[in-house]
Amino acid sequence: MSFFSKLRDRLTRSSSKIGAGLDEIVSEGVDGEKPAAAEPAAQPPADAARPGMLGRIFGGGASAEPRRELDDEMLEELEEMLIQADMGVETALRVTANIAEGRMGRRISATELKELLAAEIARIMAPVARPLPIYPKRPQVVLVVGVNGSGKTTTIGKLASQFKAAGKNVVIAAGDTFRAAAVEQLQVWGSRAGVPVMTAPEGSDPASLAFDAMTRAEAEGADLLMIDTAGRLQNRQDLMEELAKIVRVIRKKDPSAPHNTLLVLDATTGQNALSQVEIFQKLADVSGLVMTKLDGTARGGVLVALADRFGLPIHAIGVGEQIDDLDAFDANDFARALVGLGD
């Protein structure tokens, strides 16, 4: 099964919610009316006969569907639905305004509305859809941050396993030394992937472990060193000092490190993901995002809000627990899956 198929199938809570919402918006507007197919439709542009998105948007092949006039009331309903899907007020207003531009008064079907919405989402997401950059610097140090429970340790394990499978020499440092479960989880992934996991006694200094891991990674000629970190936000000052110390110590080995600082976010937290980005941008110099647990939430729209507000690269998304359930982020695939369209 392709990752898009998994994304579409497992993003059911978001896609069914948004897709059903779009269907309802159009159908409510035509209750008591004749289907638009029985009415004279506006003439499509000359190039609408061509296959592809323009043909679909301007009526090619969709005339049998009920249609509703795009007016202020319909736009308000669309805005409300997008806000409820955690797209955020500002993003929802911008998206609906772009959909309305040049189309007010036109009668459109639910399929056309989905295509328009998918195109707008893809336009927002395309600039941030970037794979994790791989540099010639060895070892490339990847610092991974995020709140506890976000899927941080699982993401490190999956990425390490995928890099290993791609021929990279990887070392993991289990830097969340205050959570035995996080260390054990990384050890399981490391054993599964054949990747060494450096650990330290519970409660020991994470910066010291990071320094030792840098020393080992250099000695072994590792391509990548992935460092897990704690995610206790109850005391932000302590966490800030801990992260700053880790960075300070590894820069004694390599002044350019860390080369990537990944923030792992849990999609089920919805709008809380926005505040987490703000917090970790202050705590650490975040260079990119990974969004997990998109298979377990109706809040997939928050990823659109994140892209629109922060513009940080989205390197990967996760839709399950298996190693191949984490993949590079594709803006078009995500947009179509989110609104319930096929590939």
Protein backbone atom coordinates (compact mmCIF):
# COMPACT_ATOMS: atom_id res chain seq x y z
CA MET A 1 0.00 0.00 0.00
CA SER A 2 1.39 3.43 -0.93
CA PHE A 3 1.87 5.99 1.81
CA PHE A 4 -0.81 8.18 0.20
CA SER A 5 -3.27 5.30 0.44
CA LYS A 6 -2.38 4.85 4.12
CA LEU A 7 -2.70 8.57 4.69
CA ARG A 8 -6.08 8.74 2.99
CA ASP A 9 -7.38 5.59 4.70
CA ARG A 10 -6.06 6.42 8.17
CA LEU A 11 -6.79 10.14 8.12
CA THR A 12 -10.43 9.13 8.22
CA ARG A 13 -11.44 11.26 11.18
CA SER A 14 -10.20 14.45 9.57
CA SER A 15 -11.00 13.62 5.96
CA SER A 16 -14.48 12.29 6.70
CA LYS A 17 -15.22 15.28 8.93
CA ILE A 18 -14.05 17.85 6.38
CA GLY A 19 -15.42 15.93 3.37
CA ALA A 20 -18.81 15.46 5.01
CA GLY A 21 -18.79 19.10 6.07
CA LEU A 22 -18.23 20.25 2.49
CA ASP A 23 -20.97 17.94 1.23
CA GLU A 24 -23.34 19.34 3.85
CA ILE A 25 -22.50 22.97 3.04
CA VAL A 26 -23.43 22.45 -0.61
CA SER A 27 -26.47 20.25 -0.01
CA GLU A 28 -27.97 22.60 2.60
CA GLY A 29 -27.86 25.39 0.08
CA VAL A 30 -29.85 23.44 -2.49
CA ASP A 31 -32.54 22.02 -0.21
CA GLY A 32 -35.86 22.67 -1.83
CA GLU A 33 -34.26 23.63 -5.11
CA LYS A 34 -33.94 21.71 -8.31
CA PRO A 35 -30.54 20.12 -8.79
CA ALA A 36 -28.27 22.54 -10.54
CA ALA A 37 -27.82 20.05 -13.39
CA ALA A 38 -31.38 20.89 -14.48
CA GLU A 39 -30.60 24.58 -14.55
CA PRO A 40 -28.57 26.44 -17.14
CA ALA A 41 -25.03 26.48 -15.83
CA ALA A 42 -22.54 29.26 -16.39
CA GLN A 43 -20.45 28.71 -19.50
CA PRO A 44 -17.08 27.21 -18.55
CA PRO A 45 -13.93 28.69 -20.01
CA ALA A 46 -12.68 27.29 -23.30
CA ASP A 47 -9.90 25.28 -21.68
CA ALA A 48 -12.25 23.60 -19.21
CA ALA A 49 -12.74 20.72 -21.60
CA ARG A 50 -9.15 19.70 -21.00
CA PRO A 51 -8.61 16.98 -18.39
CA GLY A 52 -7.16 17.95 -15.07
CA MET A 53 -7.98 20.35 -12.28
CA LEU A 54 -9.32 23.23 -14.40
CA GLY A 55 -11.82 20.93 -16.07
CA ARG A 56 -12.96 19.59 -12.72
CA ILE A 57 -13.19 22.98 -11.04
CA PHE A 58 -15.16 24.65 -13.81
CA GLY A 59 -17.74 21.96 -14.22
CA GLY A 60 -16.33 19.31 -16.54
CA GLY A 61 -17.81 15.93 -15.64
CA ALA A 62 -19.48 17.05 -12.41
CA SER A 63 -22.72 18.54 -13.73
CA ALA A 64 -24.87 15.77 -12.25
CA GLU A 65 -24.00 16.87 -8.72
CA PRO A 66 -26.13 19.31 -6.76
CA ARG A 67 -24.74 22.83 -6.93
CA ARG A 68 -24.98 25.82 -4.66
CA GLU A 69 -24.33 29.45 -5.37
CA LEU A 70 -21.14 30.67 -3.75
CA ASP A 71 -22.31 33.60 -1.62
CA ASP A 72 -21.47 35.19 1.73
CA GLU A 73 -23.57 32.73 3.69
CA MET A 74 -21.82 29.76 2.09
CA LEU A 75 -18.40 31.31 2.79
CA GLU A 76 -19.30 31.83 6.45
CA GLU A 77 -20.29 28.17 6.74
CA LEU A 78 -17.03 27.13 5.08
CA GLU A 79 -14.99 29.34 7.42
CA GLU A 80 -16.72 27.89 10.48
CA MET A 81 -16.16 24.33 9.30
CA LEU A 82 -12.43 24.93 8.68
CA ILE A 83 -12.01 26.54 12.10
CA GLN A 84 -13.66 23.51 13.71
CA ALA A 85 -11.17 21.32 11.82
CA ASP A 86 -8.38 23.20 13.67
CA MET A 87 -7.19 25.17 10.67
CA GLY A 88 -7.21 28.34 12.79
CA VAL A 89 -9.18 31.54 12.29
CA GLU A 90 -6.61 33.48 10.24
CA THR A 91 -5.83 30.57 7.93
CA ALA A 92 -9.51 29.69 7.48
CA LEU A 93 -10.35 33.29 6.55
CA ARG A 94 -7.47 33.47 4.08
CA VAL A 95 -8.36 30.15 2.45
CA THR A 96 -12.04 31.01 2.02
CA ALA A 97 -11.18 34.45 0.63
CA ASN A 98 -8.93 32.86 -1.98
CA ILE A 99 -11.62 30.33 -2.92
CA ALA A 100 -14.16 33.15 -3.29
CA GLU A 101 -11.95 35.34 -5.45
CA GLY A 102 -13.47 35.53 -8.93
CA ARG A 103 -16.08 32.88 -8.11
CA MET A 104 -18.79 34.75 -6.16
CA GLY A 105 -22.21 34.00 -7.61
CA ARG A 106 -21.02 30.88 -9.40
CA ARG A 107 -22.80 27.61 -8.66
CA ILE A 108 -20.39 24.90 -7.55
CA SER A 109 -20.68 21.27 -6.50
CA ALA A 110 -19.19 19.61 -3.42
CA THR A 111 -16.53 17.92 -5.55
CA GLU A 112 -15.51 21.24 -7.05
CA LEU A 113 -15.39 22.78 -3.58
CA LYS A 114 -13.15 19.94 -2.38
CA GLU A 115 -10.84 20.43 -5.36
CA LEU A 116 -10.66 24.17 -4.69
CA LEU A 117 -9.96 23.62 -0.99
CA ALA A 118 -7.32 20.97 -1.70
CA ALA A 119 -5.60 23.32 -4.15
CA GLU A 120 -5.52 26.11 -1.54
CA ILE A 121 -4.18 23.79 1.16
CA ALA A 122 -1.52 22.43 -1.19
CA ARG A 123 -0.51 26.00 -2.09
CA ILE A 124 0.05 26.79 1.60
CA MET A 125 1.84 23.51 2.30
CA ALA A 126 4.08 23.26 -0.78
CA PRO A 127 6.75 25.73 0.45
CA VAL A 128 7.23 23.80 3.73
CA ALA A 129 7.22 20.26 2.30
CA ARG A 130 10.94 19.56 2.50
CA PRO A 131 12.77 16.35 3.39
CA LEU A 132 15.25 16.37 6.24
CA PRO A 133 18.42 17.81 4.68
CA ILE A 134 21.44 15.53 4.70
CA TYR A 135 24.79 17.29 4.91
CA PRO A 136 28.28 16.02 4.07
CA LYS A 137 29.36 16.93 7.61
CA ARG A 138 30.05 13.79 9.67
CA PRO A 139 28.55 13.21 12.07
CA GLN A 140 25.45 15.22 11.25
CA VAL A 141 23.92 15.96 14.65
CA VAL A 142 20.11 15.86 14.81
CA LEU A 143 18.67 17.16 18.07
CA VAL A 144 15.08 15.99 18.59
CA VAL A 145 12.78 17.97 20.89
CA GLY A 146 9.11 17.85 21.85
CA VAL A 147 6.81 17.30 24.80
CA ASN A 148 6.66 13.89 26.43
CA GLY A 149 4.08 11.69 24.72
CA SER A 150 4.37 13.40 21.34
CA GLY A 151 5.89 10.33 19.69
CA LYS A 152 9.41 11.72 19.90
CA THR A 153 11.28 8.54 20.79
CA THR A 154 9.28 6.46 18.28
CA THR A 155 10.04 9.03 15.57
CA ILE A 156 13.77 8.86 16.35
CA GLY A 157 13.64 5.08 16.13
CA LYS A 158 11.79 5.13 12.80
CA LEU A 159 14.07 7.75 11.27
CA ALA A 160 17.19 5.94 12.46
CA SER A 161 15.92 2.66 11.07
CA GLN A 162 15.07 4.27 7.72
CA PHE A 163 18.46 6.00 7.49
CA LYS A 164 20.18 2.74 8.38
CA ALA A 165 18.22 0.95 5.64
CA ALA A 166 19.38 3.69 3.22
CA GLY A 167 23.00 2.84 4.00
CA LYS A 168 23.71 5.50 6.63
CA ASN A 169 25.78 4.81 9.73
CA VAL A 170 23.59 6.00 12.62
CA VAL A 171 24.10 6.43 16.37
CA ILE A 172 21.30 7.25 18.83
CA ALA A 173 21.80 8.99 22.17
CA ALA A 174 18.99 8.38 24.66
CA GLY A 175 19.19 11.86 26.15
CA ASP A 176 15.87 11.77 28.02
CA THR A 177 17.67 10.29 30.99
CA PHE A 178 14.76 10.96 33.35
CA ARG A 179 12.34 8.58 31.59
CA ALA A 180 13.32 4.93 31.66
CA ALA A 181 10.50 4.09 29.24
CA ALA A 182 11.95 6.43 26.60
CA VAL A 183 15.37 4.79 26.90
CA GLU A 184 13.89 1.29 26.68
CA GLN A 185 11.83 2.24 23.62
CA LEU A 186 14.91 3.56 21.82
CA GLN A 187 16.83 0.41 22.73
CA VAL A 188 14.09 -1.72 21.16
CA TRP A 189 14.21 0.34 17.95
CA GLY A 190 18.00 0.30 17.96
CA SER A 191 18.08 -3.48 18.31
CA ARG A 192 15.51 -3.85 15.56
CA ALA A 193 17.44 -1.60 13.17
CA GLY A 194 20.97 -2.60 14.14
CA VAL A 195 21.69 0.93 15.36
CA PRO A 196 23.73 1.48 18.57
CA VAL A 197 21.91 3.34 21.35
CA MET A 198 24.02 5.15 23.93
CA THR A 199 22.47 5.37 27.37
CA ALA A 200 23.35 6.75 30.77
CA PRO A 201 22.12 5.95 34.29
CA GLU A 202 18.67 7.29 35.08
CA GLY A 203 18.79 10.91 36.19
CA SER A 204 22.30 11.56 34.88
CA ASP A 205 23.37 14.64 32.92
CA PRO A 206 22.02 14.55 29.35
CA ALA A 207 24.72 16.96 28.14
CA SER A 208 27.43 14.60 29.31
CA LEU A 209 25.78 11.74 27.41
CA ALA A 210 25.53 13.94 24.30
CA PHE A 211 29.27 14.70 24.52
CA ASP A 212 30.13 11.02 24.86
CA ALA A 213 27.83 10.22 21.94
CA MET A 214 29.59 12.85 19.79
CA THR A 215 32.93 11.28 20.68
CA ARG A 216 31.71 7.81 19.71
CA ALA A 217 30.01 9.00 16.52
CA GLU A 218 33.21 10.75 15.42
CA ALA A 219 35.36 7.72 16.26
CA GLU A 220 33.07 5.37 14.33
CA GLY A 221 32.69 7.69 11.35
CA ALA A 222 28.93 7.85 11.81
CA ASP A 223 26.89 9.76 9.28
CA LEU A 224 24.15 10.73 11.74
CA LEU A 225 23.89 11.18 15.48
CA MET A 226 20.31 11.50 16.72
CA ILE A 227 19.93 12.88 20.24
CA ASP A 228 16.69 12.45 22.18
CA THR A 229 15.86 15.11 24.77
CA ALA A 230 13.46 15.54 27.67
CA GLY A 231 10.10 17.17 27.07
CA ARG A 232 8.98 18.30 30.50
CA LEU A 233 7.21 21.63 30.02
CA GLN A 234 6.10 21.91 33.64
CA ASN A 235 9.28 23.83 34.36
CA ARG A 236 10.33 25.57 31.17
CA GLN A 237 13.32 27.27 32.76
CA ASP A 238 14.89 23.92 33.70
CA LEU A 239 14.22 22.53 30.23
CA MET A 240 15.64 25.64 28.56
CA GLU A 241 18.81 25.37 30.63
CA GLU A 242 19.10 21.64 29.90
CA LEU A 243 18.73 22.12 26.12
CA ALA A 244 21.12 25.08 26.15
CA LYS A 245 23.69 23.00 28.00
CA ILE A 246 23.39 20.12 25.52
CA VAL A 247 23.97 22.54 22.62
CA ARG A 248 26.86 24.23 24.41
CA VAL A 249 28.58 20.92 25.14
CA ILE A 250 28.23 19.38 21.66
CA ARG A 251 29.53 22.63 20.14
CA LYS A 252 32.79 21.99 21.95
CA LYS A 253 33.13 19.07 19.55
CA ASP A 254 31.59 20.78 16.53
CA PRO A 255 30.81 24.53 16.57
CA SER A 256 28.23 24.03 13.78
CA ALA A 257 26.17 21.45 15.72
CA PRO A 258 23.32 20.68 16.01
CA HIS A 259 22.81 20.66 12.26
CA ASN A 260 19.06 19.96 12.59
CA THR A 261 16.71 20.57 15.50
CA LEU A 262 13.50 18.63 14.92
CA LEU A 263 10.32 19.38 16.83
CA VAL A 264 7.98 16.39 17.04
CA LEU A 265 4.30 17.32 17.40
CA ASP A 266 1.29 15.17 18.25
CA ALA A 267 -1.61 15.88 15.86
CA THR A 268 -4.16 14.90 18.50
CA THR A 269 -3.30 18.02 20.51
CA GLY A 270 -4.91 20.22 17.85
CA GLN A 271 -4.37 23.95 18.39
CA ASN A 272 -2.01 23.22 21.29
CA ALA A 273 0.56 22.32 18.63
CA LEU A 274 0.77 26.03 17.77
CA SER A 275 1.72 27.00 21.31
CA GLN A 276 4.24 24.15 21.44
CA VAL A 277 5.98 25.51 18.35
CA GLU A 278 6.14 28.96 19.96
CA ILE A 279 7.59 27.50 23.18
CA PHE A 280 10.22 25.32 21.52
CA GLN A 281 11.26 28.09 19.14
CA LYS A 282 12.26 29.98 22.29
CA LEU A 283 13.79 26.93 24.00
CA ALA A 284 15.67 25.66 20.94
CA ASP A 285 16.44 26.85 17.44
CA VAL A 286 13.86 24.62 15.74
CA SER A 287 14.76 23.91 12.10
CA GLY A 288 11.91 21.58 11.10
CA LEU A 289 8.79 19.71 12.19
CA VAL A 290 7.56 16.12 12.28
CA MET A 291 3.83 15.55 12.88
CA THR A 292 2.79 12.22 14.38
CA LYS A 293 -0.51 10.44 15.09
CA LEU A 294 -2.43 11.83 12.12
CA ASP A 295 -4.27 8.51 12.05
CA GLY A 296 -5.84 9.12 15.44
CA THR A 297 -7.34 12.59 15.19
CA ALA A 298 -9.96 14.75 13.54
CA ARG A 299 -7.56 17.68 13.83
CA GLY A 300 -5.41 17.26 10.74
CA GLY A 301 -6.17 20.86 9.77
CA VAL A 302 -3.73 22.07 12.42
CA LEU A 303 -0.87 21.16 10.09
CA VAL A 304 -2.19 23.75 7.62
CA ALA A 305 -2.32 26.36 10.38
CA LEU A 306 1.27 25.52 11.39
CA ALA A 307 2.52 25.92 7.84
CA ASP A 308 0.64 29.17 7.33
CA ARG A 309 1.73 30.72 10.61
CA PHE A 310 5.32 29.59 11.08
CA GLY A 311 6.57 28.46 7.67
CA LEU A 312 8.86 25.86 9.24
CA PRO A 313 9.80 22.90 7.03
CA ILE A 314 7.64 19.82 7.60
CA HIS A 315 10.00 16.91 7.07
CA ALA A 316 7.77 13.93 7.79
CA ILE A 317 4.35 12.83 9.01
CA GLY A 318 3.28 9.68 10.82
CA VAL A 319 0.07 7.70 10.48
CA GLY A 320 0.79 4.63 12.60
CA GLU A 321 3.23 2.59 14.65
CA GLN A 322 5.05 0.64 11.93
CA ILE A 323 8.38 1.79 10.51
CA ASP A 324 6.86 2.58 7.10
CA ASP A 325 4.06 4.61 8.71
CA LEU A 326 6.42 7.60 8.83
CA ASP A 327 7.23 9.16 5.49
CA ALA A 328 8.30 12.40 3.83
CA PHE A 329 5.59 15.04 3.75
CA ASP A 330 3.93 15.63 0.36
CA ALA A 331 1.76 18.76 0.18
CA ASN A 332 -0.54 17.63 -2.62
CA ASP A 333 -1.10 14.14 -1.20
CA PHE A 334 -1.85 15.56 2.24
CA ALA A 335 -4.24 18.19 0.90
CA ARG A 336 -6.25 15.69 -1.14
CA ALA A 337 -6.37 13.16 1.71
CA LEU A 338 -7.44 15.83 4.19
CA VAL A 339 -10.50 16.85 2.17
CA GLY A 340 -11.41 13.25 1.29
CA LEU A 341 -10.33 13.18 -2.36
CA GLY A 342 -8.60 10.29 -4.11
CA ASP A 343 -5.15 10.46 -5.68
